[in-house]
Amino acid sequence: MTAYLEFEGAVAALETSAARAAEAGNAAEAADLALRAERQLKDLYARLTPWQRTQVARHPARPHFPHYVAGLFTDFVPLAGDRRYGEDLAILGGPARFRGRPVMLIGHAKGEDTPSRLRHNFGMAKPEGYRKAVRLMEMADRFRLPIITLVDTPGAFPGIEAEERGQAEAIARATEACLAVRVPFVAIIVGEGGSGGAVALATANRVLMLEHSIYSVISPEGCASILWRSTGKGNSRAADAAEAMKVTAADLLRLGTIDRIVYEPVGGAHRDHATTMTRVATALGEELAALSARDGEALRAERRAKFRAMGRTPC
């Protein structure tokens, strides 16, 4: 059953009515209602606001790390631990094969239900998660494995224990490792790309975003709480913050922060995992093929120049 977002009320009503008509044996009425629902959904998703896209990016049924592993990769071998403190399940990674080619896969894991979300800390990594990512990037560089990262995090974990173990330093080291490797590196933001917690895995040669994902220096709620002291469940200024921060894929492509948008099925990736996987696979394959024609030093130099140039062009 589809979990409807708050702005999908009209679509929910039509799809529910279509299901009831079908159960009652009214096939013609069910088909008409289903067609109306499809049109309503297409029209709605063609004009989503930044805040509505934020809600879609956070939809619990969107494909997460395990779905991409199962749908796009083979022979994935997860590697654990940062060799300093412990294991962090908010970031998973290890060698895998993408279309038969060995790669290093790293990504945030949010979890699928309450127990797994708690186990993965909702995708909010601690220092040991970022240090594990550094270890895997260095391994990829050593064995000349292209790196693919799947970014989906509200941000790095802000708890006191993370700060005690050097959260800022770990994020900086991960970003440094991204810039240092001499292998093709493609990152794709598949849900939320929150703050330094996202940048630490997304300082890549090519940065892709799913159409309804978001990428920002802070969450809209966090921005609203700082600028307007608007907090709580009914954060009335979060929508204003989402608009002002330019968090959407279209905005970020226009600003030059990302390189490519991977368009989602109508209604979002959560409605059609299979089509989403096909489109992501195509985009990753094309980007890796283009990058693989360049030598390691050129890849590193291009990556560093790309990020050093950001912000120099007037918006």
C-alpha atoms as a PDB file:
ATOM      1  CA  MET A   1       0.000   0.000   0.000  1.00  0.00           C
ATOM      2  CA  THR A   2       1.274   3.435  -0.955  1.00  0.00           C
ATOM      3  CA  ALA A   3       2.082   5.765   1.950  1.00  0.00           C
ATOM      4  CA  TYR A   4       0.713   9.095   0.783  1.00  0.00           C
ATOM      5  CA  LEU A   5       2.387  12.392   1.529  1.00  0.00           C
ATOM      6  CA  GLU A   6       0.375  15.295   2.914  1.00  0.00           C
ATOM      7  CA  PHE A   7       0.106  17.054  -0.452  1.00  0.00           C
ATOM      8  CA  GLU A   8      -1.130  13.908  -2.249  1.00  0.00           C
ATOM      9  CA  GLY A   9      -4.647  13.992  -0.808  1.00  0.00           C
ATOM     10  CA  ALA A  10      -6.471  14.235  -4.151  1.00  0.00           C
ATOM     11  CA  VAL A  11      -4.442  11.355  -5.600  1.00  0.00           C
ATOM     12  CA  ALA A  12      -5.079   9.249  -2.501  1.00  0.00           C
ATOM     13  CA  ALA A  13      -8.832   9.816  -2.744  1.00  0.00           C
ATOM     14  CA  LEU A  14      -8.949   8.815  -6.419  1.00  0.00           C
ATOM     15  CA  GLU A  15      -6.773   5.720  -5.990  1.00  0.00           C
ATOM     16  CA  THR A  16      -8.767   4.601  -2.960  1.00  0.00           C
ATOM     17  CA  SER A  17     -12.026   5.023  -4.868  1.00  0.00           C
ATOM     18  CA  ALA A  18     -10.584   3.095  -7.822  1.00  0.00           C
ATOM     19  CA  ALA A  19      -9.592   0.219  -5.539  1.00  0.00           C
ATOM     20  CA  ARG A  20     -13.070   0.111  -3.976  1.00  0.00           C
ATOM     21  CA  ALA A  21     -14.728   0.152  -7.379  1.00  0.00           C
ATOM     22  CA  ALA A  22     -12.542  -2.736  -8.500  1.00  0.00           C
ATOM     23  CA  GLU A  23     -13.407  -4.712  -5.366  1.00  0.00           C
ATOM     24  CA  ALA A  24     -17.088  -4.115  -6.073  1.00  0.00           C
ATOM     25  CA  GLY A  25     -16.696  -5.438  -9.610  1.00  0.00           C
ATOM     26  CA  ASN A  26     -17.176  -2.073 -11.337  1.00  0.00           C
ATOM     27  CA  ALA A  27     -14.312  -2.452 -13.789  1.00  0.00           C
ATOM     28  CA  ALA A  28     -15.206   0.501 -16.008  1.00  0.00           C
ATOM     29  CA  GLU A  29     -15.540   2.894 -13.073  1.00  0.00           C
ATOM     30  CA  ALA A  30     -12.294   1.586 -11.552  1.00  0.00           C
ATOM     31  CA  ALA A  31     -10.424   2.132 -14.826  1.00  0.00           C
ATOM     32  CA  ASP A  32     -11.775   5.676 -15.151  1.00  0.00           C
ATOM     33  CA  LEU A  33     -10.816   6.560 -11.574  1.00  0.00           C
ATOM     34  CA  ALA A  34      -7.365   5.022 -12.004  1.00  0.00           C
ATOM     35  CA  LEU A  35      -6.802   7.076 -15.161  1.00  0.00           C
ATOM     36  CA  ARG A  36      -7.883  10.253 -13.369  1.00  0.00           C
ATOM     37  CA  ALA A  37      -5.539   9.433 -10.494  1.00  0.00           C
ATOM     38  CA  GLU A  38      -2.642   8.908 -12.908  1.00  0.00           C
ATOM     39  CA  ARG A  39      -3.282  12.257 -14.576  1.00  0.00           C
ATOM     40  CA  GLN A  40      -3.592  13.993 -11.218  1.00  0.00           C
ATOM     41  CA  LEU A  41      -0.312  12.456 -10.056  1.00  0.00           C
ATOM     42  CA  LYS A  42       1.510  13.470 -13.234  1.00  0.00           C
ATOM     43  CA  ASP A  43       0.251  17.046 -12.990  1.00  0.00           C
ATOM     44  CA  LEU A  44       1.092  17.268  -9.293  1.00  0.00           C
ATOM     45  CA  TYR A  45       4.662  16.002  -9.672  1.00  0.00           C
ATOM     46  CA  ALA A  46       5.313  18.297 -12.612  1.00  0.00           C
ATOM     47  CA  ARG A  47       5.016  21.338 -10.313  1.00  0.00           C
ATOM     48  CA  LEU A  48       6.319  20.261  -6.918  1.00  0.00           C
ATOM     49  CA  THR A  49       7.634  22.965  -4.626  1.00  0.00           C
ATOM     50  CA  PRO A  50      11.079  22.585  -3.012  1.00  0.00           C
ATOM     51  CA  TRP A  51       9.413  21.677   0.296  1.00  0.00           C
ATOM     52  CA  GLN A  52       7.274  19.028  -1.384  1.00  0.00           C
ATOM     53  CA  ARG A  53      10.390  17.591  -3.033  1.00  0.00           C
ATOM     54  CA  THR A  54      11.982  17.483   0.410  1.00  0.00           C
ATOM     55  CA  GLN A  55       9.089  15.344   1.601  1.00  0.00           C
ATOM     56  CA  VAL A  56       9.447  13.030  -1.405  1.00  0.00           C
ATOM     57  CA  ALA A  57      13.206  12.743  -0.795  1.00  0.00           C
ATOM     58  CA  ARG A  58      12.412  11.545   2.742  1.00  0.00           C
ATOM     59  CA  HIS A  59       9.673   9.082   1.762  1.00  0.00           C
ATOM     60  CA  PRO A  60      10.311   5.869   3.729  1.00  0.00           C
ATOM     61  CA  ALA A  61       9.561   3.689   0.703  1.00  0.00           C
ATOM     62  CA  ARG A  62      12.219   5.239  -1.550  1.00  0.00           C
ATOM     63  CA  PRO A  63      14.933   2.797  -2.635  1.00  0.00           C
ATOM     64  CA  HIS A  64      17.676   2.641  -0.016  1.00  0.00           C
ATOM     65  CA  PHE A  65      21.187   1.198  -0.014  1.00  0.00           C
ATOM     66  CA  PRO A  66      20.135  -2.499   0.136  1.00  0.00           C
ATOM     67  CA  HIS A  67      17.754  -2.009  -2.807  1.00  0.00           C
ATOM     68  CA  TYR A  68      20.522  -0.537  -4.947  1.00  0.00           C
ATOM     69  CA  VAL A  69      22.905  -3.322  -3.954  1.00  0.00           C
ATOM     70  CA  ALA A  70      20.332  -5.947  -4.957  1.00  0.00           C
ATOM     71  CA  GLY A  71      19.242  -4.150  -8.119  1.00  0.00           C
ATOM     72  CA  LEU A  72      22.484  -2.824  -9.572  1.00  0.00           C
ATOM     73  CA  PHE A  73      25.438  -4.740  -8.158  1.00  0.00           C
ATOM     74  CA  THR A  74      26.709  -8.289  -7.802  1.00  0.00           C
ATOM     75  CA  ASP A  75      29.331  -9.888  -5.571  1.00  0.00           C
ATOM     76  CA  PHE A  76      29.084  -7.140  -2.947  1.00  0.00           C
ATOM     77  CA  VAL A  77      31.352  -7.890   0.032  1.00  0.00           C
ATOM     78  CA  PRO A  78      30.668  -5.487   2.939  1.00  0.00           C
ATOM     79  CA  LEU A  79      33.764  -4.536   4.897  1.00  0.00           C
ATOM     80  CA  ALA A  80      33.437  -3.444   8.516  1.00  0.00           C
ATOM     81  CA  GLY A  81      35.249  -1.179  10.929  1.00  0.00           C
ATOM     82  CA  ASP A  82      37.508   1.839  10.814  1.00  0.00           C
ATOM     83  CA  ARG A  83      40.465   0.016  12.454  1.00  0.00           C
ATOM     84  CA  ARG A  84      40.461   2.647  15.210  1.00  0.00           C
ATOM     85  CA  TYR A  85      37.242   2.550  17.175  1.00  0.00           C
ATOM     86  CA  GLY A  86      34.511   0.331  15.778  1.00  0.00           C
ATOM     87  CA  GLU A  87      31.847  -0.322  13.179  1.00  0.00           C
ATOM     88  CA  ASP A  88      29.245   2.224  12.085  1.00  0.00           C
ATOM     89  CA  LEU A  89      26.251   0.814  10.228  1.00  0.00           C
ATOM     90  CA  ALA A  90      25.161   4.260   9.026  1.00  0.00           C
ATOM     91  CA  ILE A  91      27.757   3.894   6.245  1.00  0.00           C
ATOM     92  CA  LEU A  92      28.188   0.585   4.423  1.00  0.00           C
ATOM     93  CA  GLY A  93      30.698  -0.292   1.771  1.00  0.00           C
ATOM     94  CA  GLY A  94      32.952  -2.776   0.112  1.00  0.00           C
ATOM     95  CA  PRO A  95      34.031  -4.162  -3.259  1.00  0.00           C
ATOM     96  CA  ALA A  96      31.316  -5.163  -5.715  1.00  0.00           C
ATOM     97  CA  ARG A  97      30.731  -5.564  -9.424  1.00  0.00           C
ATOM     98  CA  PHE A  98      28.741  -3.131 -11.518  1.00  0.00           C
ATOM     99  CA  ARG A  99      27.822  -4.614 -14.883  1.00  0.00           C
ATOM    100  CA  GLY A 100      30.640  -7.095 -14.364  1.00  0.00           C
ATOM    101  CA  ARG A 101      33.233  -4.441 -13.577  1.00  0.00           C
ATOM    102  CA  PRO A 102      34.910  -4.376 -10.145  1.00  0.00           C
ATOM    103  CA  VAL A 103      34.117  -1.182  -8.213  1.00  0.00           C
ATOM    104  CA  MET A 104      34.196   0.097  -4.650  1.00  0.00           C
ATOM    105  CA  LEU A 105      30.663   0.798  -3.432  1.00  0.00           C
ATOM    106  CA  ILE A 106      30.089   3.073  -0.417  1.00  0.00           C
ATOM    107  CA  GLY A 107      26.824   4.546   0.807  1.00  0.00           C
ATOM    108  CA  HIS A 108      24.616   5.700   3.626  1.00  0.00           C
ATOM    109  CA  ALA A 109      22.127   3.195   5.035  1.00  0.00           C
ATOM    110  CA  LYS A 110      18.988   4.586   6.689  1.00  0.00           C
ATOM    111  CA  GLY A 111      17.198   1.338   7.488  1.00  0.00           C
ATOM    112  CA  GLU A 112      13.834   0.022   6.348  1.00  0.00           C
ATOM    113  CA  ASP A 113      11.756  -0.185   9.550  1.00  0.00           C
ATOM    114  CA  THR A 114      12.011   1.070  13.107  1.00  0.00           C
ATOM    115  CA  PRO A 115      14.478  -1.571  14.403  1.00  0.00           C
ATOM    116  CA  SER A 116      16.770  -1.264  11.375  1.00  0.00           C
ATOM    117  CA  ARG A 117      16.575   2.529  11.387  1.00  0.00           C
ATOM    118  CA  LEU A 118      17.727   2.540  14.970  1.00  0.00           C
ATOM    119  CA  ARG A 119      20.490   0.070  14.104  1.00  0.00           C
ATOM    120  CA  HIS A 120      21.670   2.244  11.198  1.00  0.00           C
ATOM    121  CA  ASN A 121      21.115   5.470  13.191  1.00  0.00           C
ATOM    122  CA  PHE A 122      18.830   6.788  10.426  1.00  0.00           C
ATOM    123  CA  GLY A 123      21.828   7.136   8.110  1.00  0.00           C
ATOM    124  CA  MET A 124      23.559   9.654  10.377  1.00  0.00           C
ATOM    125  CA  ALA A 125      27.171   8.516  10.567  1.00  0.00           C
ATOM    126  CA  LYS A 126      29.597   8.962  13.446  1.00  0.00           C
ATOM    127  CA  PRO A 127      33.362   9.495  13.021  1.00  0.00           C
ATOM    128  CA  GLU A 128      34.026   5.779  12.682  1.00  0.00           C
ATOM    129  CA  GLY A 129      31.688   5.670   9.674  1.00  0.00           C
ATOM    130  CA  TYR A 130      33.619   8.354   7.842  1.00  0.00           C
ATOM    131  CA  ARG A 131      36.943   6.780   8.798  1.00  0.00           C
ATOM    132  CA  LYS A 132      35.696   3.496   7.392  1.00  0.00           C
ATOM    133  CA  ALA A 133      34.826   5.332   4.169  1.00  0.00           C
ATOM    134  CA  VAL A 134      38.364   6.743   4.038  1.00  0.00           C
ATOM    135  CA  ARG A 135      39.783   3.239   4.462  1.00  0.00           C
ATOM    136  CA  LEU A 136      37.650   1.965   1.576  1.00  0.00           C
ATOM    137  CA  MET A 137      38.545   4.898  -0.692  1.00  0.00           C
ATOM    138  CA  GLU A 138      42.249   4.331  -0.061  1.00  0.00           C
ATOM    139  CA  MET A 139      41.764   0.632  -0.795  1.00  0.00           C
ATOM    140  CA  ALA A 140      39.987   1.505  -4.042  1.00  0.00           C
ATOM    141  CA  ASP A 141      42.860   3.798  -5.013  1.00  0.00           C
ATOM    142  CA  ARG A 142      45.417   1.095  -4.235  1.00  0.00           C
ATOM    143  CA  PHE A 143      43.652  -1.514  -6.374  1.00  0.00           C
ATOM    144  CA  ARG A 144      42.466   0.922  -9.074  1.00  0.00           C
ATOM    145  CA  LEU A 145      38.774   0.348  -8.423  1.00  0.00           C
ATOM    146  CA  PRO A 146      36.330   3.039  -9.571  1.00  0.00           C
ATOM    147  CA  ILE A 147      34.325   4.437  -6.648  1.00  0.00           C
ATOM    148  CA  ILE A 148      30.534   4.726  -6.573  1.00  0.00           C
ATOM    149  CA  THR A 149      28.856   6.385  -3.599  1.00  0.00           C
ATOM    150  CA  LEU A 150      25.149   6.458  -2.766  1.00  0.00           C
ATOM    151  CA  VAL A 151      24.367   9.493  -0.636  1.00  0.00           C
ATOM    152  CA  ASP A 152      21.263   9.520   1.560  1.00  0.00           C
ATOM    153  CA  THR A 153      21.640  11.164   4.950  1.00  0.00           C
ATOM    154  CA  PRO A 154      19.962  13.948   6.931  1.00  0.00           C
ATOM    155  CA  GLY A 155      23.495  14.858   8.028  1.00  0.00           C
ATOM    156  CA  ALA A 156      26.308  13.606  10.211  1.00  0.00           C
ATOM    157  CA  PHE A 157      25.320  12.496  13.708  1.00  0.00           C
ATOM    158  CA  PRO A 158      25.375  15.574  16.003  1.00  0.00           C
ATOM    159  CA  GLY A 159      25.585  13.750  19.351  1.00  0.00           C
ATOM    160  CA  ILE A 160      28.184  14.526  21.988  1.00  0.00           C
ATOM    161  CA  GLU A 161      29.910  11.145  21.618  1.00  0.00           C
ATOM    162  CA  ALA A 162      30.527  11.883  17.923  1.00  0.00           C
ATOM    163  CA  GLU A 163      32.048  15.239  18.795  1.00  0.00           C
ATOM    164  CA  GLU A 164      34.218  13.597  21.445  1.00  0.00           C
ATOM    165  CA  ARG A 165      35.591  11.177  18.848  1.00  0.00           C
ATOM    166  CA  GLY A 166      36.393  13.911  16.299  1.00  0.00           C
ATOM    167  CA  GLN A 167      33.388  14.237  14.015  1.00  0.00           C
ATOM    168  CA  ALA A 168      34.569  17.356  12.186  1.00  0.00           C
ATOM    169  CA  GLU A 169      38.046  15.948  11.635  1.00  0.00           C
ATOM    170  CA  ALA A 170      36.639  12.665  10.327  1.00  0.00           C
ATOM    171  CA  ILE A 171      34.387  14.454   7.830  1.00  0.00           C
ATOM    172  CA  ALA A 172      37.306  16.621   6.694  1.00  0.00           C
ATOM    173  CA  ARG A 173      39.512  13.534   6.242  1.00  0.00           C
ATOM    174  CA  ALA A 174      36.809  11.826   4.188  1.00  0.00           C
ATOM    175  CA  THR A 175      36.455  14.879   1.955  1.00  0.00           C
ATOM    176  CA  GLU A 176      40.254  14.992   1.613  1.00  0.00           C
ATOM    177  CA  ALA A 177      40.286  11.324   0.630  1.00  0.00           C
ATOM    178  CA  CYS A 178      37.637  11.992  -2.031  1.00  0.00           C
ATOM    179  CA  LEU A 179      39.874  14.648  -3.549  1.00  0.00           C
ATOM    180  CA  ALA A 180      43.024  12.521  -3.369  1.00  0.00           C
ATOM    181  CA  VAL A 181      42.056   9.292  -5.141  1.00  0.00           C
ATOM    182  CA  ARG A 182      43.238   8.666  -8.693  1.00  0.00           C
ATOM    183  CA  VAL A 183      40.314   6.550  -9.873  1.00  0.00           C
ATOM    184  CA  PRO A 184      36.988   7.381 -11.532  1.00  0.00           C
ATOM    185  CA  PHE A 185      34.565   8.565  -8.854  1.00  0.00           C
ATOM    186  CA  VAL A 186      30.797   8.958  -9.295  1.00  0.00           C
ATOM    187  CA  ALA A 187      28.451  10.001  -6.501  1.00  0.00           C
ATOM    188  CA  ILE A 188      24.672   9.990  -6.675  1.00  0.00           C
ATOM    189  CA  ILE A 189      22.344  11.618  -4.159  1.00  0.00           C
ATOM    190  CA  VAL A 190      19.404   9.235  -3.970  1.00  0.00           C
ATOM    191  CA  GLY A 191      17.422  10.847  -1.142  1.00  0.00           C
ATOM    192  CA  GLU A 192      18.680  13.433   1.306  1.00  0.00           C
ATOM    193  CA  GLY A 193      22.093  15.011   0.877  1.00  0.00           C
ATOM    194  CA  GLY A 194      22.530  16.734   4.193  1.00  0.00           C
ATOM    195  CA  SER A 195      25.455  19.015   5.016  1.00  0.00           C
ATOM    196  CA  GLY A 196      29.035  17.803   5.495  1.00  0.00           C
ATOM    197  CA  GLY A 197      27.694  14.329   6.158  1.00  0.00           C
ATOM    198  CA  ALA A 198      26.816  14.168   2.456  1.00  0.00           C
ATOM    199  CA  VAL A 199      29.787  16.100   1.077  1.00  0.00           C
ATOM    200  CA  ALA A 200      32.155  13.623   2.745  1.00  0.00           C
ATOM    201  CA  LEU A 201      30.970  10.971   0.257  1.00  0.00           C
ATOM    202  CA  ALA A 202      30.051  13.234  -2.644  1.00  0.00           C
ATOM    203  CA  THR A 203      33.231  15.132  -3.562  1.00  0.00           C
ATOM    204  CA  ALA A 204      33.361  13.204  -6.812  1.00  0.00           C
ATOM    205  CA  ASN A 205      34.292  13.662 -10.471  1.00  0.00           C
ATOM    206  CA  ARG A 206      30.605  13.429 -11.320  1.00  0.00           C
ATOM    207  CA  VAL A 207      27.802  14.231  -8.882  1.00  0.00           C
ATOM    208  CA  LEU A 208      24.359  12.998  -9.890  1.00  0.00           C
ATOM    209  CA  MET A 209      20.999  13.551  -8.191  1.00  0.00           C
ATOM    210  CA  LEU A 210      17.722  11.729  -8.450  1.00  0.00           C
ATOM    211  CA  GLU A 211      15.060  14.169  -9.607  1.00  0.00           C
ATOM    212  CA  HIS A 212      13.273  14.430  -6.272  1.00  0.00           C
ATOM    213  CA  SER A 213      16.286  14.231  -3.993  1.00  0.00           C
ATOM    214  CA  ILE A 214      17.658  17.245  -2.119  1.00  0.00           C
ATOM    215  CA  TYR A 215      21.168  18.504  -1.364  1.00  0.00           C
ATOM    216  CA  SER A 216      21.823  21.307   1.103  1.00  0.00           C
ATOM    217  CA  VAL A 217      24.170  22.726   3.710  1.00  0.00           C
ATOM    218  CA  ILE A 218      21.507  22.266   6.410  1.00  0.00           C
ATOM    219  CA  SER A 219      17.988  20.863   6.574  1.00  0.00           C
ATOM    220  CA  PRO A 220      15.141  23.294   5.820  1.00  0.00           C
ATOM    221  CA  GLU A 221      13.953  22.876   9.418  1.00  0.00           C
ATOM    222  CA  GLY A 222      17.428  23.639  10.746  1.00  0.00           C
ATOM    223  CA  CYS A 223      17.704  26.729   8.565  1.00  0.00           C
ATOM    224  CA  ALA A 224      14.255  27.945   9.691  1.00  0.00           C
ATOM    225  CA  SER A 225      15.147  27.441  13.335  1.00  0.00           C
ATOM    226  CA  ILE A 226      18.287  29.587  12.948  1.00  0.00           C
ATOM    227  CA  LEU A 227      16.869  32.382  10.787  1.00  0.00           C
ATOM    228  CA  TRP A 228      13.325  32.631  12.105  1.00  0.00           C
ATOM    229  CA  ARG A 229      13.354  30.672  15.379  1.00  0.00           C
ATOM    230  CA  SER A 230      10.697  28.457  13.820  1.00  0.00           C
ATOM    231  CA  THR A 231      10.777  25.017  15.419  1.00  0.00           C
ATOM    232  CA  GLY A 232       8.623  22.026  16.248  1.00  0.00           C
ATOM    233  CA  LYS A 233       6.437  19.714  14.189  1.00  0.00           C
ATOM    234  CA  GLY A 234       4.542  22.585  12.630  1.00  0.00           C
ATOM    235  CA  ASN A 235       7.668  24.418  11.486  1.00  0.00           C
ATOM    236  CA  SER A 236       5.903  27.067   9.431  1.00  0.00           C
ATOM    237  CA  ARG A 237       9.059  28.486   7.828  1.00  0.00           C
ATOM    238  CA  ALA A 238      10.679  25.235   6.658  1.00  0.00           C
ATOM    239  CA  ALA A 239       9.031  25.614   3.254  1.00  0.00           C
ATOM    240  CA  ASP A 240      10.416  29.146   2.965  1.00  0.00           C
ATOM    241  CA  ALA A 241      13.871  27.858   3.868  1.00  0.00           C
ATOM    242  CA  ALA A 242      13.696  25.062   1.275  1.00  0.00           C
ATOM    243  CA  GLU A 243      12.817  27.633  -1.381  1.00  0.00           C
ATOM    244  CA  ALA A 244      15.573  30.049  -0.359  1.00  0.00           C
ATOM    245  CA  MET A 245      18.351  27.448  -0.078  1.00  0.00           C
ATOM    246  CA  LYS A 246      17.891  26.034  -3.606  1.00  0.00           C
ATOM    247  CA  VAL A 247      17.897  22.423  -2.461  1.00  0.00           C
ATOM    248  CA  THR A 248      16.413  20.787  -5.562  1.00  0.00           C
ATOM    249  CA  ALA A 249      18.233  18.960  -8.332  1.00  0.00           C
ATOM    250  CA  ALA A 250      17.107  21.504 -10.943  1.00  0.00           C
ATOM    251  CA  ASP A 251      18.434  24.412  -8.879  1.00  0.00           C
ATOM    252  CA  LEU A 252      21.743  22.718  -8.163  1.00  0.00           C
ATOM    253  CA  LEU A 253      22.298  21.718 -11.780  1.00  0.00           C
ATOM    254  CA  ARG A 254      21.702  25.330 -12.804  1.00  0.00           C
ATOM    255  CA  LEU A 255      24.192  26.505 -10.161  1.00  0.00           C
ATOM    256  CA  GLY A 256      26.820  23.994 -11.286  1.00  0.00           C
ATOM    257  CA  THR A 257      26.901  22.137  -7.960  1.00  0.00           C
ATOM    258  CA  ILE A 258      25.887  18.847  -9.582  1.00  0.00           C
ATOM    259  CA  ASP A 259      26.497  17.440 -13.034  1.00  0.00           C
ATOM    260  CA  ARG A 260      23.394  15.447 -13.955  1.00  0.00           C
ATOM    261  CA  ILE A 261      19.794  14.757 -12.955  1.00  0.00           C
ATOM    262  CA  VAL A 262      18.476  11.192 -13.081  1.00  0.00           C
ATOM    263  CA  TYR A 263      14.753  11.537 -13.694  1.00  0.00           C
ATOM    264  CA  GLU A 264      12.374   9.490 -11.571  1.00  0.00           C
ATOM    265  CA  PRO A 265       9.180   7.676 -12.558  1.00  0.00           C
ATOM    266  CA  VAL A 266       5.987   9.716 -12.240  1.00  0.00           C
ATOM    267  CA  GLY A 267       5.103   9.913  -8.568  1.00  0.00           C
ATOM    268  CA  GLY A 268       8.665   9.428  -7.350  1.00  0.00           C
ATOM    269  CA  ALA A 269      11.164   6.601  -7.013  1.00  0.00           C
ATOM    270  CA  HIS A 270       9.174   5.041  -4.174  1.00  0.00           C
ATOM    271  CA  ARG A 271       6.358   4.169  -6.596  1.00  0.00           C
ATOM    272  CA  ASP A 272       8.538   2.283  -9.083  1.00  0.00           C
ATOM    273  CA  HIS A 273      11.828   0.860  -7.831  1.00  0.00           C
ATOM    274  CA  ALA A 274      12.489  -1.139 -11.003  1.00  0.00           C
ATOM    275  CA  THR A 275      12.360   1.841 -13.362  1.00  0.00           C
ATOM    276  CA  THR A 276      14.456   3.867 -10.953  1.00  0.00           C
ATOM    277  CA  MET A 277      17.127   1.158 -10.908  1.00  0.00           C
ATOM    278  CA  THR A 278      17.217   1.033 -14.705  1.00  0.00           C
ATOM    279  CA  ARG A 279      17.689   4.790 -14.993  1.00  0.00           C
ATOM    280  CA  VAL A 280      20.337   4.936 -12.277  1.00  0.00           C
ATOM    281  CA  ALA A 281      22.234   2.042 -13.879  1.00  0.00           C
ATOM    282  CA  THR A 282      22.214   3.796 -17.243  1.00  0.00           C
ATOM    283  CA  ALA A 283      23.497   7.055 -15.766  1.00  0.00           C
ATOM    284  CA  LEU A 284      26.225   5.377 -13.706  1.00  0.00           C
ATOM    285  CA  GLY A 285      27.341   3.295 -16.669  1.00  0.00           C
ATOM    286  CA  GLU A 286      27.628   6.312 -18.944  1.00  0.00           C
ATOM    287  CA  GLU A 287      29.520   8.408 -16.418  1.00  0.00           C
ATOM    288  CA  LEU A 288      31.964   5.624 -15.537  1.00  0.00           C
ATOM    289  CA  ALA A 289      32.634   4.925 -19.194  1.00  0.00           C
ATOM    290  CA  ALA A 290      33.465   8.585 -19.847  1.00  0.00           C
ATOM    291  CA  LEU A 291      35.726   8.879 -16.798  1.00  0.00           C
ATOM    292  CA  SER A 292      37.567   5.623 -17.468  1.00  0.00           C
ATOM    293  CA  ALA A 293      39.158   7.098 -20.579  1.00  0.00           C
ATOM    294  CA  ARG A 294      41.250   9.482 -18.412  1.00  0.00           C
ATOM    295  CA  ASP A 295      44.372   8.731 -16.416  1.00  0.00           C
ATOM    296  CA  GLY A 296      44.525   8.929 -12.638  1.00  0.00           C
ATOM    297  CA  GLU A 297      46.329  12.238 -12.327  1.00  0.00           C
ATOM    298  CA  ALA A 298      43.920  13.911 -14.736  1.00  0.00           C
ATOM    299  CA  LEU A 299      40.956  12.578 -12.755  1.00  0.00           C
ATOM    300  CA  ARG A 300      42.334  13.909  -9.488  1.00  0.00           C
ATOM    301  CA  ALA A 301      43.271  17.291 -10.960  1.00  0.00           C
ATOM    302  CA  GLU A 302      39.864  17.706 -12.590  1.00  0.00           C
ATOM    303  CA  ARG A 303      38.068  16.795  -9.371  1.00  0.00           C
ATOM    304  CA  ARG A 304      40.051  19.263  -7.300  1.00  0.00           C
ATOM    305  CA  ALA A 305      39.594  22.041  -9.855  1.00  0.00           C
ATOM    306  CA  LYS A 306      35.863  21.367 -10.049  1.00  0.00           C
ATOM    307  CA  PHE A 307      35.287  21.901  -6.334  1.00  0.00           C
ATOM    308  CA  ARG A 308      37.749  24.788  -5.962  1.00  0.00           C
ATOM    309  CA  ALA A 309      35.839  26.655  -8.669  1.00  0.00           C
ATOM    310  CA  MET A 310      32.446  26.363  -6.968  1.00  0.00           C
ATOM    311  CA  GLY A 311      31.049  29.658  -5.786  1.00  0.00           C
ATOM    312  CA  ARG A 312      33.171  31.787  -8.089  1.00  0.00           C
ATOM    313  CA  THR A 313      30.463  32.187 -10.724  1.00  0.00           C
ATOM    314  CA  PRO A 314      27.706  34.672  -9.740  1.00  0.00           C
ATOM    315  CA  CYS A 315      24.315  32.995  -9.203  1.00  0.00           C
END
